[in-house]
Amino acid sequence: MPNIQKYDANFTAGGIFFNEFSNLKPYLLEEDFEEIIKNDIEENKILAITTLSARKRIVSEIIRRHKVMSLNFWRFFQDLNELESKLALLFVCLKTYPIVFDLHFQVTVQKQKLGLLLTEYDVQMRLDELASTSVDVESWSETTIKKINTQYRKAIKDAGLFHKETLRQPINVNQTFWVYFKENDDMWFLDACFI
């Protein structure tokens, strides 16, 4: 039976965007956030991304991620430290990109439960499997598939869940951080972080 899940490759625009979202913190709760960030494509005063083409692509994905999350989430995000911010941004990616959610739960969480390492090959195997059941993934070039693989592993590394093929719980995270996810019916994110 064909997989009806819709996958897109937009995650290749670049990981969790920690620096970009950190620069945007003062604006995330603004009603005209989208307008502010679109203006920065030309001005480049907030994002500090070198090339115009990269700014356009990244701004488009930031707007997409911003829309997926509630204002309540962005309020919560305001007071997070660096490690917690990175974990929260991984949460945003898991909610925004079905491909990231799939790789995380079908490969990474399974590997961690079994106490196994996570390799580039493991992620590649899942992408190959998806290519045989999803017309979306099947249409991606080898370069795109490789980039998704690389960006995904970089995202979980940036979030503190992955180091040299070893999967691990995030360390030094305040217990109050997890309360947000428990209170907002997102307990699955604790599983995603091996908690």
Protein backbone atom coordinates (compact mmCIF):
# COMPACT_ATOMS: atom_id res chain seq x y z
CA MET A 1 0.00 0.00 0.00
CA PRO A 2 1.53 3.38 -0.95
CA ASN A 3 2.46 5.76 1.82
CA ILE A 4 0.14 8.79 1.78
CA GLN A 5 2.39 10.87 4.07
CA LYS A 6 3.53 14.02 2.25
CA TYR A 7 7.26 14.61 2.46
CA ASP A 8 9.19 17.63 1.23
CA ALA A 9 12.90 18.29 1.15
CA ASN A 10 12.79 21.85 2.49
CA PHE A 11 14.64 20.79 5.64
CA THR A 12 17.79 20.89 3.48
CA ALA A 13 17.68 24.70 3.90
CA GLY A 14 19.65 24.14 7.07
CA GLY A 15 19.16 22.34 10.36
CA ILE A 16 17.59 23.87 13.44
CA PHE A 17 18.53 27.53 12.69
CA PHE A 18 19.73 28.19 16.23
CA ASN A 19 21.62 31.42 15.40
CA GLU A 20 18.78 32.76 13.26
CA PHE A 21 16.06 32.08 15.85
CA SER A 22 18.29 33.50 18.59
CA ASN A 23 18.65 36.72 16.59
CA LEU A 24 14.88 36.75 16.04
CA LYS A 25 13.86 36.25 19.71
CA PRO A 26 12.86 39.90 20.22
CA TYR A 27 10.49 39.68 17.22
CA LEU A 28 8.92 36.21 17.53
CA LEU A 29 5.89 37.45 19.47
CA GLU A 30 5.21 40.43 17.21
CA GLU A 31 1.97 40.40 15.22
CA ASP A 32 3.85 41.54 12.12
CA PHE A 33 6.66 38.97 12.54
CA GLU A 34 6.32 37.79 8.95
CA GLU A 35 6.62 41.34 7.62
CA ILE A 36 9.64 42.06 9.86
CA ILE A 37 11.50 38.99 8.69
CA LYS A 38 10.59 39.49 5.01
CA ASN A 39 12.02 43.04 5.23
CA ASP A 40 15.23 41.55 6.58
CA ILE A 41 15.74 39.61 3.34
CA GLU A 42 16.93 42.90 1.83
CA GLU A 43 18.18 44.71 4.95
CA ASN A 44 19.96 41.76 6.65
CA LYS A 45 20.14 43.62 9.97
CA ILE A 46 18.67 40.81 12.09
CA LEU A 47 19.59 37.50 10.47
CA ALA A 48 23.16 38.27 9.40
CA ILE A 49 23.14 35.66 6.62
CA THR A 50 25.78 36.40 4.02
CA THR A 51 24.04 35.79 0.69
CA LEU A 52 20.68 37.02 -0.52
CA SER A 53 19.71 33.63 -2.00
CA ALA A 54 20.42 31.87 1.32
CA ARG A 55 18.45 34.55 3.20
CA LYS A 56 15.43 34.07 0.92
CA ARG A 57 15.45 30.30 1.41
CA ILE A 58 16.02 30.46 5.17
CA VAL A 59 13.40 33.19 5.71
CA SER A 60 10.85 31.07 3.88
CA GLU A 61 11.56 28.12 6.23
CA ILE A 62 11.63 30.32 9.35
CA ILE A 63 8.17 31.67 8.44
CA ARG A 64 6.93 28.13 7.89
CA ARG A 65 8.26 26.96 11.28
CA HIS A 66 6.96 30.07 13.04
CA LYS A 67 3.44 29.44 11.68
CA VAL A 68 3.44 25.77 12.76
CA MET A 69 4.01 26.71 16.40
CA SER A 70 1.62 28.52 18.72
CA LEU A 71 2.25 31.93 20.28
CA ASN A 72 2.35 30.07 23.59
CA PHE A 73 5.36 28.09 22.34
CA TRP A 74 7.21 31.22 21.24
CA ARG A 75 6.54 32.77 24.68
CA PHE A 76 8.05 29.65 26.29
CA PHE A 77 11.02 29.87 23.89
CA GLN A 78 11.89 33.42 25.04
CA ASP A 79 13.41 32.36 28.37
CA LEU A 80 15.28 29.22 27.34
CA ASN A 81 19.03 28.84 27.66
CA GLU A 82 21.15 27.74 24.69
CA LEU A 83 20.80 23.98 25.17
CA GLU A 84 17.06 24.20 25.84
CA SER A 85 16.62 26.51 22.83
CA LYS A 86 18.33 23.94 20.61
CA LEU A 87 16.10 21.16 21.91
CA ALA A 88 13.02 23.37 21.43
CA LEU A 89 14.10 24.10 17.85
CA LEU A 90 14.47 20.38 17.21
CA PHE A 91 10.89 20.05 18.48
CA VAL A 92 9.86 22.70 15.92
CA CYS A 93 11.57 20.70 13.14
CA LEU A 94 9.87 17.47 14.24
CA LYS A 95 6.48 19.24 14.08
CA THR A 96 7.19 21.04 10.79
CA TYR A 97 8.87 18.39 8.65
CA PRO A 98 7.31 14.91 8.34
CA ILE A 99 10.64 13.57 7.00
CA VAL A 100 12.48 14.65 10.17
CA PHE A 101 9.76 13.13 12.38
CA ASP A 102 9.91 9.89 10.40
CA LEU A 103 13.69 9.56 10.53
CA HIS A 104 13.72 10.40 14.21
CA PHE A 105 11.09 7.90 15.32
CA GLN A 106 11.63 5.15 12.74
CA VAL A 107 15.43 5.11 13.01
CA THR A 108 16.95 7.16 15.83
CA VAL A 109 14.56 6.44 18.71
CA GLN A 110 14.59 2.73 17.78
CA LYS A 111 18.41 2.64 17.75
CA GLN A 112 18.58 4.42 21.12
CA LYS A 113 16.09 2.00 22.72
CA LEU A 114 18.29 -0.89 21.58
CA GLY A 115 21.45 0.85 22.80
CA LEU A 116 22.86 0.95 19.26
CA LEU A 117 24.92 3.56 17.44
CA LEU A 118 23.38 5.71 14.71
CA THR A 119 25.28 5.84 11.43
CA GLU A 120 24.87 7.68 8.15
CA TYR A 121 24.05 4.27 6.63
CA ASP A 122 21.13 3.72 9.06
CA VAL A 123 19.51 6.98 7.98
CA GLN A 124 20.27 6.19 4.31
CA MET A 125 18.53 2.81 4.65
CA ARG A 126 15.35 4.50 5.92
CA LEU A 127 15.46 7.08 3.13
CA ASP A 128 15.85 4.24 0.58
CA GLU A 129 12.88 2.46 2.16
CA LEU A 130 10.80 5.65 1.97
CA ALA A 131 11.82 6.15 -1.67
CA SER A 132 10.17 2.80 -2.46
CA THR A 133 6.85 3.78 -0.79
CA SER A 134 6.64 7.57 -1.24
CA VAL A 135 6.47 9.30 -4.61
CA ASP A 136 7.76 12.46 -2.88
CA VAL A 137 10.96 10.84 -1.62
CA GLU A 138 11.36 8.80 -4.80
CA SER A 139 11.53 12.06 -6.78
CA TRP A 140 14.45 13.45 -4.74
CA SER A 141 17.93 13.48 -6.25
CA GLU A 142 20.82 11.62 -4.64
CA THR A 143 22.23 15.01 -3.60
CA THR A 144 18.98 15.93 -1.84
CA ILE A 145 18.80 12.59 -0.04
CA LYS A 146 22.42 12.94 1.09
CA LYS A 147 21.75 16.50 2.28
CA ILE A 148 18.63 15.43 4.27
CA ASN A 149 20.73 12.68 5.89
CA THR A 150 23.53 15.11 6.79
CA GLN A 151 21.22 17.90 8.00
CA TYR A 152 19.15 15.51 10.10
CA ARG A 153 22.20 14.09 11.89
CA LYS A 154 23.57 17.61 12.38
CA ALA A 155 20.22 18.73 13.88
CA ILE A 156 20.20 15.98 16.51
CA LYS A 157 23.88 16.66 17.22
CA ASP A 158 23.16 20.39 17.67
CA ALA A 159 20.31 19.48 20.04
CA GLY A 160 22.74 17.47 22.18
CA LEU A 161 21.24 14.04 21.42
CA PHE A 162 24.02 12.69 19.22
CA HIS A 163 27.81 12.61 19.49
CA LYS A 164 30.13 10.58 17.24
CA GLU A 165 27.42 8.02 16.34
CA THR A 166 26.35 7.69 20.00
CA LEU A 167 22.81 8.63 20.97
CA ARG A 168 22.35 10.14 24.42
CA GLN A 169 19.90 11.98 26.63
CA PRO A 170 20.45 15.73 26.74
CA ILE A 171 22.46 16.70 29.81
CA ASN A 172 22.04 19.65 32.16
CA VAL A 173 18.46 20.38 31.10
CA ASN A 174 16.34 21.92 33.83
CA GLN A 175 13.40 19.66 34.71
CA THR A 176 11.03 22.62 34.30
CA PHE A 177 11.85 22.58 30.57
CA TRP A 178 10.04 19.24 30.16
CA VAL A 179 6.94 20.54 31.97
CA TYR A 180 5.95 22.62 28.94
CA PHE A 181 5.71 19.49 26.76
CA LYS A 182 3.81 17.54 29.41
CA GLU A 183 1.29 20.35 29.86
CA ASN A 184 0.76 20.83 26.13
CA ASP A 185 0.05 17.21 25.17
CA ASP A 186 3.47 16.79 23.59
CA MET A 187 4.77 13.99 25.83
CA TRP A 188 6.05 12.30 22.66
CA PHE A 189 8.86 14.88 22.64
CA LEU A 190 10.26 13.34 25.84
CA ASP A 191 10.46 10.02 23.96
CA ALA A 192 12.14 11.89 21.11
CA CYS A 193 14.79 13.08 23.60
CA PHE A 194 15.21 9.59 25.11
CA ILE A 195 13.74 10.73 28.45
